[in-house]
PDB file of N, CA and C in Angstrom:
ATOM      1  N   MET A   1      -0.236  11.846  21.893  1.00  0.00           N
ATOM      2  CA  MET A   1       0.244  11.255  21.248  1.00  0.00           C
ATOM      3  C   MET A   1       0.947  10.658  20.004  1.00  0.00           C
ATOM      4  N   ARG A   2       1.443  11.428  18.624  1.00  0.00           N
ATOM      5  CA  ARG A   2       1.672  10.722  17.872  1.00  0.00           C
ATOM      6  C   ARG A   2       2.456   9.451  17.119  1.00  0.00           C
ATOM      7  N   ILE A   3       1.885   8.535  16.641  1.00  0.00           N
ATOM      8  CA  ILE A   3       2.922   7.439  16.309  1.00  0.00           C
ATOM      9  C   ILE A   3       2.626   7.166  15.041  1.00  0.00           C
ATOM     10  N   PHE A   4       3.945   6.850  14.571  1.00  0.00           N
ATOM     11  CA  PHE A   4       3.841   6.835  12.708  1.00  0.00           C
ATOM     12  C   PHE A   4       4.171   5.173  13.508  1.00  0.00           C
ATOM     13  N   LEU A   5       4.001   3.636  12.646  1.00  0.00           N
ATOM     14  CA  LEU A   5       4.390   2.841  12.196  1.00  0.00           C
ATOM     15  C   LEU A   5       4.344   2.610  11.301  1.00  0.00           C
ATOM     16  N   SER A   6       5.575   1.611  11.593  1.00  0.00           N
ATOM     17  CA  SER A   6       5.973   1.125  10.018  1.00  0.00           C
ATOM     18  C   SER A   6       6.742  -0.337  10.157  1.00  0.00           C
ATOM     19  N   PHE A   7       6.543  -1.121   9.170  1.00  0.00           N
ATOM     20  CA  PHE A   7       6.388  -2.111   9.504  1.00  0.00           C
ATOM     21  C   PHE A   7       6.909  -3.167   8.292  1.00  0.00           C
ATOM     22  N   PRO A   8       7.041  -3.753   7.349  1.00  0.00           N
ATOM     23  CA  PRO A   8       6.940  -4.840   6.545  1.00  0.00           C
ATOM     24  C   PRO A   8       5.198  -5.493   5.775  1.00  0.00           C
ATOM     25  N   SER A   9       5.097  -5.972   5.201  1.00  0.00           N
ATOM     26  CA  SER A   9       4.088  -6.361   4.520  1.00  0.00           C
ATOM     27  C   SER A   9       3.008  -7.227   5.656  1.00  0.00           C
ATOM     28  N   GLU A  10       4.691  -8.379   5.777  1.00  0.00           N
ATOM     29  CA  GLU A  10       4.092  -9.951   5.991  1.00  0.00           C
ATOM     30  C   GLU A  10       3.896  -9.797   7.606  1.00  0.00           C
ATOM     31  N   LEU A  11       3.798  -8.516   8.223  1.00  0.00           N
ATOM     32  CA  LEU A  11       3.822  -8.655   9.242  1.00  0.00           C
ATOM     33  C   LEU A  11       2.563  -7.731   9.560  1.00  0.00           C
ATOM     34  N   GLU A  12       1.530  -7.645   8.942  1.00  0.00           N
ATOM     35  CA  GLU A  12       0.455  -5.980   8.721  1.00  0.00           C
ATOM     36  C   GLU A  12      -0.056  -6.449   9.771  1.00  0.00           C
ATOM     37  N   SER A  13      -1.265  -8.097  10.113  1.00  0.00           N
ATOM     38  CA  SER A  13      -1.990  -8.417  10.767  1.00  0.00           C
ATOM     39  C   SER A  13      -2.028  -7.889  12.006  1.00  0.00           C
ATOM     40  N   GLN A  14      -0.365  -7.935  13.066  1.00  0.00           N
ATOM     41  CA  GLN A  14       0.586  -8.216  13.865  1.00  0.00           C
ATOM     42  C   GLN A  14       0.494  -5.673  13.617  1.00  0.00           C
ATOM     43  N   ALA A  15       0.722  -5.539  13.335  1.00  0.00           N
ATOM     44  CA  ALA A  15       1.057  -3.915  12.557  1.00  0.00           C
ATOM     45  C   ALA A  15      -0.230  -3.818  13.372  1.00  0.00           C
ATOM     46  N   ASP A  16      -1.270  -4.277  13.063  1.00  0.00           N
ATOM     47  CA  ASP A  16      -2.684  -3.352  12.775  1.00  0.00           C
ATOM     48  C   ASP A  16      -3.469  -3.790  13.864  1.00  0.00           C
ATOM     49  N   SER A  17      -3.069  -4.985  15.171  1.00  0.00           N
ATOM     50  CA  SER A  17      -3.554  -4.756  16.193  1.00  0.00           C
ATOM     51  C   SER A  17      -3.205  -3.721  17.609  1.00  0.00           C
ATOM     52  N   ILE A  18      -1.630  -3.846  17.134  1.00  0.00           N
ATOM     53  CA  ILE A  18      -0.574  -2.863  17.716  1.00  0.00           C
ATOM     54  C   ILE A  18      -1.408  -1.605  17.003  1.00  0.00           C
ATOM     55  N   ALA A  19      -1.138  -0.912  16.661  1.00  0.00           N
ATOM     56  CA  ALA A  19      -2.182  -0.118  16.350  1.00  0.00           C
ATOM     57  C   ALA A  19      -3.363   0.333  16.458  1.00  0.00           C
ATOM     58  N   GLN A  20      -4.242  -0.260  16.497  1.00  0.00           N
ATOM     59  CA  GLN A  20      -5.500  -0.966  17.602  1.00  0.00           C
ATOM     60  C   GLN A  20      -5.287   0.105  18.314  1.00  0.00           C
ATOM     61  N   SER A  21      -4.750  -1.117  19.454  1.00  0.00           N
ATOM     62  CA  SER A  21      -3.969  -0.927  20.743  1.00  0.00           C
ATOM     63  C   SER A  21      -3.485   0.267  20.979  1.00  0.00           C
ATOM     64  N   LEU A  22      -2.774   0.997  21.187  1.00  0.00           N
ATOM     65  CA  LEU A  22      -2.883   2.918  20.408  1.00  0.00           C
ATOM     66  C   LEU A  22      -4.130   3.519  20.897  1.00  0.00           C
ATOM     67  N   ARG A  23      -4.248   3.111  19.848  1.00  0.00           N
ATOM     68  CA  ARG A  23      -5.993   3.999  19.886  1.00  0.00           C
ATOM     69  C   ARG A  23      -6.460   4.079  20.305  1.00  0.00           C
ATOM     70  N   ASN A  24      -7.017   2.605  21.359  1.00  0.00           N
ATOM     71  CA  ASN A  24      -7.871   2.596  21.756  1.00  0.00           C
ATOM     72  C   ASN A  24      -7.200   2.757  23.720  1.00  0.00           C
ATOM     73  N   CYS A  25      -5.518   3.372  23.205  1.00  0.00           N
ATOM     74  CA  CYS A  25      -5.084   4.350  24.754  1.00  0.00           C
ATOM     75  C   CYS A  25      -5.125   5.449  24.390  1.00  0.00           C
ATOM     76  N   ASP A  26      -5.916   6.052  23.393  1.00  0.00           N
ATOM     77  CA  ASP A  26      -6.226   7.625  22.701  1.00  0.00           C
ATOM     78  C   ASP A  26      -5.103   8.496  21.823  1.00  0.00           C
ATOM     79  N   HIS A  27      -3.562   7.204  21.262  1.00  0.00           N
ATOM     80  CA  HIS A  27      -2.365   7.253  20.593  1.00  0.00           C
ATOM     81  C   HIS A  27      -3.197   8.274  19.580  1.00  0.00           C
ATOM     82  N   ASP A  28      -3.153   9.008  18.878  1.00  0.00           N
ATOM     83  CA  ASP A  28      -3.167   9.365  17.244  1.00  0.00           C
ATOM     84  C   ASP A  28      -2.344   8.413  16.734  1.00  0.00           C
ATOM     85  N   VAL A  29      -2.347   7.535  16.016  1.00  0.00           N
ATOM     86  CA  VAL A  29      -1.772   5.909  15.387  1.00  0.00           C
ATOM     87  C   VAL A  29      -1.323   6.154  13.681  1.00  0.00           C
ATOM     88  N   PHE A  30       0.135   6.732  13.048  1.00  0.00           N
ATOM     89  CA  PHE A  30      -0.234   6.806  11.737  1.00  0.00           C
ATOM     90  C   PHE A  30       0.464   5.299  11.081  1.00  0.00           C
ATOM     91  N   PHE A  31      -1.167   4.843  10.126  1.00  0.00           N
ATOM     92  CA  PHE A  31      -0.986   3.276   9.783  1.00  0.00           C
ATOM     93  C   PHE A  31      -1.299   3.689   8.328  1.00  0.00           C
ATOM     94  N   SER A  32      -0.236   3.212   7.636  1.00  0.00           N
ATOM     95  CA  SER A  32      -0.253   3.256   5.978  1.00  0.00           C
ATOM     96  C   SER A  32      -1.265   3.262   5.631  1.00  0.00           C
ATOM     97  N   HIS A  33      -1.940   1.680   5.885  1.00  0.00           N
ATOM     98  CA  HIS A  33      -3.046   1.710   5.083  1.00  0.00           C
ATOM     99  C   HIS A  33      -4.004   2.409   5.360  1.00  0.00           C
ATOM    100  N   ASP A  34      -4.243   2.664   6.311  1.00  0.00           N
ATOM    101  CA  ASP A  34      -5.200   3.709   6.363  1.00  0.00           C
ATOM    102  C   ASP A  34      -5.145   5.586   6.660  1.00  0.00           C
ATOM    103  N   GLY A  35      -3.710   5.765   6.720  1.00  0.00           N
ATOM    104  CA  GLY A  35      -3.428   7.217   6.313  1.00  0.00           C
ATOM    105  C   GLY A  35      -2.856   7.823   5.253  1.00  0.00           C
ATOM    106  N   LEU A  36      -3.012   7.161   4.196  1.00  0.00           N
ATOM    107  CA  LEU A  36      -2.306   7.599   2.584  1.00  0.00           C
ATOM    108  C   LEU A  36      -3.596   7.572   2.168  1.00  0.00           C
ATOM    109  N   PRO A  37      -4.773   8.341   1.538  1.00  0.00           N
ATOM    110  CA  PRO A  37      -5.496   9.324   0.502  1.00  0.00           C
ATOM    111  C   PRO A  37      -5.288   8.555  -0.382  1.00  0.00           C
ATOM    112  N   PRO A  38      -6.319   7.457  -1.546  1.00  0.00           N
ATOM    113  CA  PRO A  38      -5.330   7.944  -3.283  1.00  0.00           C
ATOM    114  C   PRO A  38      -5.240   9.002  -2.816  1.00  0.00           C
ATOM    115  N   GLY A  39      -4.359   8.860  -4.114  1.00  0.00           N
ATOM    116  CA  GLY A  39      -3.584  10.449  -4.733  1.00  0.00           C
ATOM    117  C   GLY A  39      -3.055  11.382  -5.088  1.00  0.00           C
ATOM    118  N   ASP A  40      -3.009  11.108  -3.559  1.00  0.00           N
ATOM    119  CA  ASP A  40      -1.125  12.119  -2.261  1.00  0.00           C
ATOM    120  C   ASP A  40       0.035  11.132  -3.145  1.00  0.00           C
ATOM    121  N   SER A  41       1.508  11.832  -2.506  1.00  0.00           N
ATOM    122  CA  SER A  41       2.382  11.681  -3.015  1.00  0.00           C
ATOM    123  C   SER A  41       2.423  10.703  -1.766  1.00  0.00           C
ATOM    124  N   PHE A  42       3.369   9.353  -1.743  1.00  0.00           N
ATOM    125  CA  PHE A  42       3.043   8.400  -1.310  1.00  0.00           C
ATOM    126  C   PHE A  42       4.493   8.786  -0.205  1.00  0.00           C
ATOM    127  N   ASP A  43       5.866   9.135  -0.908  1.00  0.00           N
ATOM    128  CA  ASP A  43       6.742   9.524   0.822  1.00  0.00           C
ATOM    129  C   ASP A  43       6.493  11.098   0.975  1.00  0.00           C
ATOM    130  N   ALA A  44       6.518  12.085  -0.319  1.00  0.00           N
ATOM    131  CA  ALA A  44       5.406  12.607   0.731  1.00  0.00           C
ATOM    132  C   ALA A  44       4.769  12.729   2.201  1.00  0.00           C
ATOM    133  N   ARG A  45       3.288  12.241   1.706  1.00  0.00           N
ATOM    134  CA  ARG A  45       3.102  11.725   2.893  1.00  0.00           C
ATOM    135  C   ARG A  45       3.818  11.601   3.982  1.00  0.00           C
ATOM    136  N   VAL A  46       4.021  10.248   3.413  1.00  0.00           N
ATOM    137  CA  VAL A  46       5.062   8.611   4.425  1.00  0.00           C
ATOM    138  C   VAL A  46       6.377  10.398   5.614  1.00  0.00           C
ATOM    139  N   GLU A  47       7.297  11.245   4.434  1.00  0.00           N
ATOM    140  CA  GLU A  47       7.353  11.709   4.888  1.00  0.00           C
ATOM    141  C   GLU A  47       6.855  13.395   6.283  1.00  0.00           C
ATOM    142  N   LYS A  48       5.890  13.719   5.375  1.00  0.00           N
ATOM    143  CA  LYS A  48       5.280  14.396   6.408  1.00  0.00           C
ATOM    144  C   LYS A  48       4.601  13.750   7.815  1.00  0.00           C
ATOM    145  N   ALA A  49       4.208  12.679   7.673  1.00  0.00           N
ATOM    146  CA  ALA A  49       3.434  12.014   9.287  1.00  0.00           C
ATOM    147  C   ALA A  49       5.068  11.756  10.097  1.00  0.00           C
ATOM    148  N   ILE A  50       6.192  11.249   9.777  1.00  0.00           N
ATOM    149  CA  ILE A  50       7.508  11.150  10.428  1.00  0.00           C
ATOM    150  C   ILE A  50       6.993  12.488  10.854  1.00  0.00           C
ATOM    151  N   GLU A  51       7.479  13.422  10.298  1.00  0.00           N
ATOM    152  CA  GLU A  51       8.217  14.611  10.630  1.00  0.00           C
ATOM    153  C   GLU A  51       7.293  14.728  11.956  1.00  0.00           C
ATOM    154  N   SER A  52       5.586  15.183  11.852  1.00  0.00           N
ATOM    155  CA  SER A  52       4.542  15.237  12.330  1.00  0.00           C
ATOM    156  C   SER A  52       4.546  14.453  14.029  1.00  0.00           C
ATOM    157  N   SER A  53       5.347  13.340  14.246  1.00  0.00           N
ATOM    158  CA  SER A  53       5.420  11.747  15.283  1.00  0.00           C
ATOM    159  C   SER A  53       6.516  12.624  16.293  1.00  0.00           C
ATOM    160  N   ASP A  54       5.462  12.167  17.410  1.00  0.00           N
ATOM    161  CA  ASP A  54       6.701  12.388  18.650  1.00  0.00           C
ATOM    162  C   ASP A  54       7.268  11.159  18.306  1.00  0.00           C
ATOM    163  N   PHE A  55       7.259   9.873  18.051  1.00  0.00           N
ATOM    164  CA  PHE A  55       7.389   8.975  18.106  1.00  0.00           C
ATOM    165  C   PHE A  55       7.871   7.955  17.214  1.00  0.00           C
ATOM    166  N   MET A  56       8.547   7.234  16.338  1.00  0.00           N
ATOM    167  CA  MET A  56       7.771   6.309  16.163  1.00  0.00           C
ATOM    168  C   MET A  56       8.311   4.218  16.611  1.00  0.00           C
ATOM    169  N   VAL A  57       7.337   3.747  15.596  1.00  0.00           N
ATOM    170  CA  VAL A  57       7.593   2.331  16.224  1.00  0.00           C
ATOM    171  C   VAL A  57       7.588   1.419  14.862  1.00  0.00           C
ATOM    172  N   PHE A  58       8.804   0.633  14.752  1.00  0.00           N
ATOM    173  CA  PHE A  58       9.185  -0.522  13.500  1.00  0.00           C
ATOM    174  C   PHE A  58       9.857  -1.672  13.490  1.00  0.00           C
ATOM    175  N   LEU A  59       8.425  -2.161  13.659  1.00  0.00           N
ATOM    176  CA  LEU A  59       8.652  -3.763  13.604  1.00  0.00           C
ATOM    177  C   LEU A  59       9.888  -4.638  12.256  1.00  0.00           C
ATOM    178  N   ILE A  60      10.390  -4.738  13.125  1.00  0.00           N
ATOM    179  CA  ILE A  60      11.934  -5.586  12.853  1.00  0.00           C
ATOM    180  C   ILE A  60      11.885  -6.858  12.533  1.00  0.00           C
ATOM    181  N   SER A  61      11.476  -6.991  11.040  1.00  0.00           N
ATOM    182  CA  SER A  61      12.265  -8.626  10.922  1.00  0.00           C
ATOM    183  C   SER A  61      13.319  -8.700  10.196  1.00  0.00           C
ATOM    184  N   PRO A  62      12.731 -10.024   9.165  1.00  0.00           N
ATOM    185  CA  PRO A  62      14.707  -9.586   8.169  1.00  0.00           C
ATOM    186  C   PRO A  62      13.856  -8.973   7.206  1.00  0.00           C
ATOM    187  N   GLY A  63      12.279  -9.287   6.983  1.00  0.00           N
ATOM    188  CA  GLY A  63      12.244  -8.953   5.999  1.00  0.00           C
ATOM    189  C   GLY A  63      12.271  -7.161   5.683  1.00  0.00           C
ATOM    190  N   SER A  64      11.729  -6.119   7.218  1.00  0.00           N
ATOM    191  CA  SER A  64      12.143  -5.008   6.107  1.00  0.00           C
ATOM    192  C   SER A  64      13.389  -4.615   6.920  1.00  0.00           C
ATOM    193  N   VAL A  65      15.032  -5.265   7.111  1.00  0.00           N
ATOM    194  CA  VAL A  65      15.428  -3.668   7.240  1.00  0.00           C
ATOM    195  C   VAL A  65      16.503  -5.509   4.883  1.00  0.00           C
ATOM    196  N   THR A  66      15.917  -5.602   4.904  1.00  0.00           N
ATOM    197  CA  THR A  66      16.099  -6.468   3.433  1.00  0.00           C
ATOM    198  C   THR A  66      16.438  -4.828   2.321  1.00  0.00           C
ATOM    199  N   ARG A  67      17.555  -5.356   2.203  1.00  0.00           N
ATOM    200  CA  ARG A  67      17.902  -4.067   0.456  1.00  0.00           C
ATOM    201  C   ARG A  67      16.321  -4.053  -0.945  1.00  0.00           C
ATOM    202  N   GLY A  68      16.466  -2.867  -0.433  1.00  0.00           N
ATOM    203  CA  GLY A  68      15.161  -2.410  -1.562  1.00  0.00           C
ATOM    204  C   GLY A  68      13.224  -1.842  -0.586  1.00  0.00           C
ATOM    205  N   ARG A  69      13.470  -2.682  -0.131  1.00  0.00           N
ATOM    206  CA  ARG A  69      11.891  -2.440   1.190  1.00  0.00           C
ATOM    207  C   ARG A  69      11.423  -1.195   1.385  1.00  0.00           C
ATOM    208  N   TYR A  70      10.494  -0.710   1.626  1.00  0.00           N
ATOM    209  CA  TYR A  70      10.586   0.717   1.978  1.00  0.00           C
ATOM    210  C   TYR A  70       9.989   1.544   2.732  1.00  0.00           C
ATOM    211  N   THR A  71      10.287   0.598   4.075  1.00  0.00           N
ATOM    212  CA  THR A  71      10.614   0.824   5.451  1.00  0.00           C
ATOM    213  C   THR A  71      11.648   0.855   6.285  1.00  0.00           C
ATOM    214  N   LEU A  72      13.165   1.226   4.785  1.00  0.00           N
ATOM    215  CA  LEU A  72      13.999   1.159   5.332  1.00  0.00           C
ATOM    216  C   LEU A  72      14.289   3.032   4.739  1.00  0.00           C
ATOM    217  N   SER A  73      13.327   2.964   3.105  1.00  0.00           N
ATOM    218  CA  SER A  73      13.096   5.104   3.341  1.00  0.00           C
ATOM    219  C   SER A  73      12.372   4.817   4.682  1.00  0.00           C
ATOM    220  N   GLU A  74      10.935   4.932   5.169  1.00  0.00           N
ATOM    221  CA  GLU A  74      11.042   5.194   6.541  1.00  0.00           C
ATOM    222  C   GLU A  74      12.463   5.953   7.259  1.00  0.00           C
ATOM    223  N   LEU A  75      12.502   4.403   7.456  1.00  0.00           N
ATOM    224  CA  LEU A  75      13.951   4.821   8.688  1.00  0.00           C
ATOM    225  C   LEU A  75      15.276   5.825   8.084  1.00  0.00           C
ATOM    226  N   ALA A  76      15.281   5.785   7.141  1.00  0.00           N
ATOM    227  CA  ALA A  76      15.904   7.049   6.066  1.00  0.00           C
ATOM    228  C   ALA A  76      14.996   8.784   6.544  1.00  0.00           C
ATOM    229  N   PHE A  77      13.983   8.943   6.887  1.00  0.00           N
ATOM    230  CA  PHE A  77      13.148  10.103   7.031  1.00  0.00           C
ATOM    231  C   PHE A  77      13.179   9.857   8.590  1.00  0.00           C
ATOM    232  N   ALA A  78      12.952   8.336   9.150  1.00  0.00           N
ATOM    233  CA  ALA A  78      13.313   8.786  10.015  1.00  0.00           C
ATOM    234  C   ALA A  78      14.600   9.002  11.240  1.00  0.00           C
ATOM    235  N   ARG A  79      15.771   8.652  10.057  1.00  0.00           N
ATOM    236  CA  ARG A  79      17.126   9.262  11.350  1.00  0.00           C
ATOM    237  C   ARG A  79      17.126  11.319  11.129  1.00  0.00           C
ATOM    238  N   ASN A  80      16.424  11.391   9.630  1.00  0.00           N
ATOM    239  CA  ASN A  80      16.349  12.610   9.498  1.00  0.00           C
ATOM    240  C   ASN A  80      15.788  14.037  11.061  1.00  0.00           C
ATOM    241  N   LYS A  81      15.017  13.321  11.290  1.00  0.00           N
ATOM    242  CA  LYS A  81      14.909  13.608  12.693  1.00  0.00           C
ATOM    243  C   LYS A  81      14.983  13.361  14.202  1.00  0.00           C
ATOM    244  N   TRP A  82      15.018  12.255  14.411  1.00  0.00           N
ATOM    245  CA  TRP A  82      16.425  11.662  14.773  1.00  0.00           C
ATOM    246  C   TRP A  82      17.569  11.031  14.838  1.00  0.00           C
ATOM    247  N   PRO A  83      18.330  11.246  14.968  1.00  0.00           N
ATOM    248  CA  PRO A  83      19.827  11.438  14.125  1.00  0.00           C
ATOM    249  C   PRO A  83      19.944  11.178  15.242  1.00  0.00           C
ATOM    250  N   ASN A  84      19.752  10.839  16.593  1.00  0.00           N
ATOM    251  CA  ASN A  84      20.669   9.832  17.768  1.00  0.00           C
ATOM    252  C   ASN A  84      18.918   8.953  18.227  1.00  0.00           C
ATOM    253  N   PRO A  85      18.324   7.759  17.233  1.00  0.00           N
ATOM    254  CA  PRO A  85      17.189   7.584  18.423  1.00  0.00           C
ATOM    255  C   PRO A  85      17.731   6.931  19.654  1.00  0.00           C
ATOM    256  N   SER A  86      16.554   6.702  20.556  1.00  0.00           N
ATOM    257  CA  SER A  86      16.834   5.504  21.516  1.00  0.00           C
ATOM    258  C   SER A  86      15.927   4.327  20.910  1.00  0.00           C
ATOM    259  N   ILE A  87      17.074   3.655  21.015  1.00  0.00           N
ATOM    260  CA  ILE A  87      16.360   1.860  20.418  1.00  0.00           C
ATOM    261  C   ILE A  87      15.692   1.036  21.505  1.00  0.00           C
ATOM    262  N   ALA A  88      14.111   0.598  21.394  1.00  0.00           N
ATOM    263  CA  ALA A  88      14.057  -0.686  23.101  1.00  0.00           C
ATOM    264  C   ALA A  88      13.694  -2.014  21.298  1.00  0.00           C
ATOM    265  N   CYS A  89      13.849  -2.072  21.985  1.00  0.00           N
ATOM    266  CA  CYS A  89      14.332  -3.951  20.970  1.00  0.00           C
ATOM    267  C   CYS A  89      13.228  -4.840  22.470  1.00  0.00           C
ATOM    268  N   CYS A  90      11.519  -5.665  21.406  1.00  0.00           N
ATOM    269  CA  CYS A  90      10.392  -6.503  22.620  1.00  0.00           C
ATOM    270  C   CYS A  90      10.689  -7.924  22.545  1.00  0.00           C
ATOM    271  N   ARG A  91      10.014  -8.929  22.215  1.00  0.00           N
ATOM    272  CA  ARG A  91      10.128  -9.947  22.187  1.00  0.00           C
ATOM    273  C   ARG A  91       9.242 -10.337  21.720  1.00  0.00           C
TER     274      ARG A  91
END
């Protein structure tokens, strides 16, 4: 399964742990820090990764939904693919 992992920078260590756990279960995880080779268009690569994903994991925090954060752009790309998403929350 292809999974796009979206997270704010302040949750990078938690996101890395989640990405590793998902990979250990044989999932293909798009993790921006290792999924964006130098020179690629950031927006185009992220949009393509979301489009080719089976689902998206969004780590929500006050920082991830603050105006101007890139995580909101990722949500906008995801909304194009999944206009009526299923949402699950956990702590």
